[in-house]
Amino acid sequence: MAYGLGYSGVEAQIPLYIFIFLVALGVDYNIFLSARIREEARHVGTQQGTLRGLGVTGGVITAAGIVLAGTFADLTRLPNVPVAEVGIAVALGVLLDTLLVRTVLVPAGLLAIGERVWWPSRAGRRTEPR
């Protein structure tokens, strides 16, 4: 059995709680960022829209992620070990999601895919000529 920080094992439901928190928070950030990029892409194209959308929302997402990570990290102060485990894991996951996934990987994916990223709808088409 693995031991960490003087405690043995992890309760079976803890990974599920961590997964649910991180997926739910990641989806919220992704919707916020993608909606803004989509709005900008309608007017200036996907490449410039991605840069503008990230520029406008990047600071908000980063600030919210840091505050949220701090909130979950504060759970480590409780004497309940499973709650502390969730707090540590979610705080680290939120920081990773905020600082790497939403600021680097999502915009890079949009830029790599190009205009095809808006395929199911006509949202990527420009409404105004340049």
C-alpha atoms as a PDB file:
ATOM      1  CA  MET A   1       0.000   0.000   0.000  1.00  0.00           C
ATOM      2  CA  ALA A   2       1.279   3.448  -0.885  1.00  0.00           C
ATOM      3  CA  TYR A   3       1.871   5.984   1.828  1.00  0.00           C
ATOM      4  CA  GLY A   4       1.929   9.735   1.354  1.00  0.00           C
ATOM      5  CA  LEU A   5       2.399  12.440   3.967  1.00  0.00           C
ATOM      6  CA  GLY A   6       1.965   9.846   6.703  1.00  0.00           C
ATOM      7  CA  TYR A   7      -1.409   8.555   5.488  1.00  0.00           C
ATOM      8  CA  SER A   8      -2.160   5.250   3.829  1.00  0.00           C
ATOM      9  CA  GLY A   9      -4.184   4.957   0.636  1.00  0.00           C
ATOM     10  CA  VAL A  10      -6.893   7.083  -0.902  1.00  0.00           C
ATOM     11  CA  GLU A  11     -10.617   6.550  -0.547  1.00  0.00           C
ATOM     12  CA  ALA A  12     -12.221   5.079  -3.661  1.00  0.00           C
ATOM     13  CA  GLN A  13     -14.539   8.001  -4.416  1.00  0.00           C
ATOM     14  CA  ILE A  14     -11.873  10.721  -4.152  1.00  0.00           C
ATOM     15  CA  PRO A  15     -10.622  10.412  -7.779  1.00  0.00           C
ATOM     16  CA  LEU A  16     -14.222  10.698  -8.988  1.00  0.00           C
ATOM     17  CA  TYR A  17     -14.774  13.905  -6.989  1.00  0.00           C
ATOM     18  CA  ILE A  18     -11.554  15.381  -8.336  1.00  0.00           C
ATOM     19  CA  PHE A  19     -12.472  14.436 -11.903  1.00  0.00           C
ATOM     20  CA  ILE A  20     -15.944  15.970 -11.623  1.00  0.00           C
ATOM     21  CA  PHE A  21     -14.639  19.245 -10.177  1.00  0.00           C
ATOM     22  CA  LEU A  22     -11.898  19.609 -12.783  1.00  0.00           C
ATOM     23  CA  VAL A  23     -14.096  18.745 -15.769  1.00  0.00           C
ATOM     24  CA  ALA A  24     -16.857  21.104 -14.642  1.00  0.00           C
ATOM     25  CA  LEU A  25     -14.463  23.978 -14.043  1.00  0.00           C
ATOM     26  CA  GLY A  26     -12.551  23.327 -17.260  1.00  0.00           C
ATOM     27  CA  VAL A  27     -15.744  23.344 -19.315  1.00  0.00           C
ATOM     28  CA  ASP A  28     -16.777  26.681 -17.805  1.00  0.00           C
ATOM     29  CA  TYR A  29     -13.464  28.301 -18.687  1.00  0.00           C
ATOM     30  CA  ASN A  30     -13.516  26.751 -22.151  1.00  0.00           C
ATOM     31  CA  ILE A  31     -17.027  28.051 -22.884  1.00  0.00           C
ATOM     32  CA  PHE A  32     -16.047  31.531 -21.736  1.00  0.00           C
ATOM     33  CA  LEU A  33     -12.892  31.595 -23.868  1.00  0.00           C
ATOM     34  CA  SER A  34     -14.372  29.931 -26.957  1.00  0.00           C
ATOM     35  CA  ALA A  35     -17.450  32.153 -26.982  1.00  0.00           C
ATOM     36  CA  ARG A  36     -15.298  35.254 -26.964  1.00  0.00           C
ATOM     37  CA  ILE A  37     -12.997  33.908 -29.673  1.00  0.00           C
ATOM     38  CA  ARG A  38     -16.009  32.944 -31.781  1.00  0.00           C
ATOM     39  CA  GLU A  39     -17.449  36.439 -31.402  1.00  0.00           C
ATOM     40  CA  GLU A  40     -14.180  38.028 -32.486  1.00  0.00           C
ATOM     41  CA  ALA A  41     -13.670  35.529 -35.333  1.00  0.00           C
ATOM     42  CA  ARG A  42     -16.941  36.614 -36.932  1.00  0.00           C
ATOM     43  CA  HIS A  43     -15.422  40.011 -37.644  1.00  0.00           C
ATOM     44  CA  VAL A  44     -11.692  39.461 -38.167  1.00  0.00           C
ATOM     45  CA  GLY A  45     -11.208  35.747 -38.894  1.00  0.00           C
ATOM     46  CA  THR A  46     -10.114  32.876 -36.719  1.00  0.00           C
ATOM     47  CA  GLN A  47      -6.439  33.778 -36.376  1.00  0.00           C
ATOM     48  CA  GLN A  48      -6.924  37.387 -35.307  1.00  0.00           C
ATOM     49  CA  GLY A  49     -10.089  36.468 -33.378  1.00  0.00           C
ATOM     50  CA  THR A  50      -8.150  33.906 -31.347  1.00  0.00           C
ATOM     51  CA  LEU A  51      -5.488  36.446 -30.466  1.00  0.00           C
ATOM     52  CA  ARG A  52      -8.019  39.137 -29.586  1.00  0.00           C
ATOM     53  CA  GLY A  53     -10.272  36.764 -27.645  1.00  0.00           C
ATOM     54  CA  LEU A  54      -7.348  35.435 -25.630  1.00  0.00           C
ATOM     55  CA  GLY A  55      -6.114  38.962 -24.990  1.00  0.00           C
ATOM     56  CA  VAL A  56      -9.489  40.070 -23.664  1.00  0.00           C
ATOM     57  CA  THR A  57     -10.371  37.006 -21.584  1.00  0.00           C
ATOM     58  CA  GLY A  58      -6.934  35.667 -20.622  1.00  0.00           C
ATOM     59  CA  GLY A  59      -6.529  37.924 -17.606  1.00  0.00           C
ATOM     60  CA  VAL A  60     -10.022  37.196 -16.323  1.00  0.00           C
ATOM     61  CA  ILE A  61      -9.588  33.434 -16.670  1.00  0.00           C
ATOM     62  CA  THR A  62      -6.174  33.524 -15.002  1.00  0.00           C
ATOM     63  CA  ALA A  63      -7.410  35.643 -12.096  1.00  0.00           C
ATOM     64  CA  ALA A  64     -10.472  33.446 -11.585  1.00  0.00           C
ATOM     65  CA  GLY A  65      -8.329  30.299 -11.724  1.00  0.00           C
ATOM     66  CA  ILE A  66      -5.878  31.603  -9.151  1.00  0.00           C
ATOM     67  CA  VAL A  67      -8.677  32.619  -6.784  1.00  0.00           C
ATOM     68  CA  LEU A  68     -10.401  29.263  -7.250  1.00  0.00           C
ATOM     69  CA  ALA A  69      -7.159  27.346  -6.706  1.00  0.00           C
ATOM     70  CA  GLY A  70      -6.580  29.313  -3.515  1.00  0.00           C
ATOM     71  CA  THR A  71     -10.083  28.485  -2.340  1.00  0.00           C
ATOM     72  CA  PHE A  72      -9.584  24.768  -2.896  1.00  0.00           C
ATOM     73  CA  ALA A  73      -6.089  24.901  -1.387  1.00  0.00           C
ATOM     74  CA  ASP A  74      -7.638  26.321   1.766  1.00  0.00           C
ATOM     75  CA  LEU A  75      -9.484  23.006   2.195  1.00  0.00           C
ATOM     76  CA  THR A  76      -6.141  21.494   3.212  1.00  0.00           C
ATOM     77  CA  ARG A  77      -6.469  23.262   6.548  1.00  0.00           C
ATOM     78  CA  LEU A  78      -9.449  21.129   7.545  1.00  0.00           C
ATOM     79  CA  PRO A  79      -8.720  18.100   9.724  1.00  0.00           C
ATOM     80  CA  ASN A  80     -10.632  15.791   7.356  1.00  0.00           C
ATOM     81  CA  VAL A  81      -8.033  13.943   5.229  1.00  0.00           C
ATOM     82  CA  PRO A  82     -10.261  13.143   2.206  1.00  0.00           C
ATOM     83  CA  VAL A  83     -11.342  16.784   1.968  1.00  0.00           C
ATOM     84  CA  ALA A  84      -7.701  17.891   2.143  1.00  0.00           C
ATOM     85  CA  GLU A  85      -6.800  15.426  -0.628  1.00  0.00           C
ATOM     86  CA  VAL A  86      -9.543  16.819  -2.852  1.00  0.00           C
ATOM     87  CA  GLY A  87      -8.412  20.363  -2.046  1.00  0.00           C
ATOM     88  CA  ILE A  88      -4.797  19.722  -3.027  1.00  0.00           C
ATOM     89  CA  ALA A  89      -5.630  17.842  -6.211  1.00  0.00           C
ATOM     90  CA  VAL A  90      -8.258  20.300  -7.433  1.00  0.00           C
ATOM     91  CA  ALA A  91      -6.087  23.333  -6.617  1.00  0.00           C
ATOM     92  CA  LEU A  92      -3.188  21.900  -8.635  1.00  0.00           C
ATOM     93  CA  GLY A  93      -5.520  20.818 -11.444  1.00  0.00           C
ATOM     94  CA  VAL A  94      -7.163  24.238 -11.669  1.00  0.00           C
ATOM     95  CA  LEU A  95      -3.776  25.954 -11.836  1.00  0.00           C
ATOM     96  CA  LEU A  96      -2.631  23.583 -14.564  1.00  0.00           C
ATOM     97  CA  ASP A  97      -5.870  24.099 -16.482  1.00  0.00           C
ATOM     98  CA  THR A  98      -5.780  27.876 -16.077  1.00  0.00           C
ATOM     99  CA  LEU A  99      -2.121  28.509 -16.815  1.00  0.00           C
ATOM    100  CA  LEU A 100      -1.448  25.882 -19.475  1.00  0.00           C
ATOM    101  CA  VAL A 101      -4.585  24.494 -21.072  1.00  0.00           C
ATOM    102  CA  ARG A 102      -6.707  27.644 -21.470  1.00  0.00           C
ATOM    103  CA  THR A 103      -3.872  30.033 -22.248  1.00  0.00           C
ATOM    104  CA  VAL A 104      -1.741  27.817 -24.517  1.00  0.00           C
ATOM    105  CA  LEU A 105      -3.338  24.569 -25.669  1.00  0.00           C
ATOM    106  CA  VAL A 106      -6.874  25.729 -26.541  1.00  0.00           C
ATOM    107  CA  PRO A 107      -5.731  28.763 -28.592  1.00  0.00           C
ATOM    108  CA  ALA A 108      -3.027  26.654 -30.259  1.00  0.00           C
ATOM    109  CA  GLY A 109      -5.631  24.033 -31.173  1.00  0.00           C
ATOM    110  CA  LEU A 110      -7.919  26.682 -32.636  1.00  0.00           C
ATOM    111  CA  LEU A 111      -5.084  28.152 -34.675  1.00  0.00           C
ATOM    112  CA  ALA A 112      -3.954  24.728 -35.879  1.00  0.00           C
ATOM    113  CA  ILE A 113      -7.449  23.741 -37.011  1.00  0.00           C
ATOM    114  CA  GLY A 114      -8.168  27.136 -38.564  1.00  0.00           C
ATOM    115  CA  GLU A 115     -11.557  28.063 -40.000  1.00  0.00           C
ATOM    116  CA  ARG A 116     -12.696  24.423 -39.876  1.00  0.00           C
ATOM    117  CA  VAL A 117     -13.039  24.725 -36.090  1.00  0.00           C
ATOM    118  CA  TRP A 118     -16.409  26.416 -36.632  1.00  0.00           C
ATOM    119  CA  TRP A 119     -17.592  23.692 -39.030  1.00  0.00           C
ATOM    120  CA  PRO A 120     -20.995  22.723 -37.582  1.00  0.00           C
ATOM    121  CA  SER A 121     -22.258  26.308 -37.801  1.00  0.00           C
ATOM    122  CA  ARG A 122     -21.699  29.392 -39.862  1.00  0.00           C
ATOM    123  CA  ALA A 123     -20.250  31.295 -36.902  1.00  0.00           C
ATOM    124  CA  GLY A 124     -16.787  31.494 -38.421  1.00  0.00           C
ATOM    125  CA  ARG A 125     -17.945  33.342 -41.497  1.00  0.00           C
ATOM    126  CA  ARG A 126     -17.347  37.051 -41.481  1.00  0.00           C
ATOM    127  CA  THR A 127     -20.355  39.353 -41.309  1.00  0.00           C
ATOM    128  CA  GLU A 128     -18.425  42.435 -42.386  1.00  0.00           C
ATOM    129  CA  PRO A 129     -15.875  42.707 -45.194  1.00  0.00           C
ATOM    130  CA  ARG A 130     -12.376  43.693 -44.162  1.00  0.00           C
END
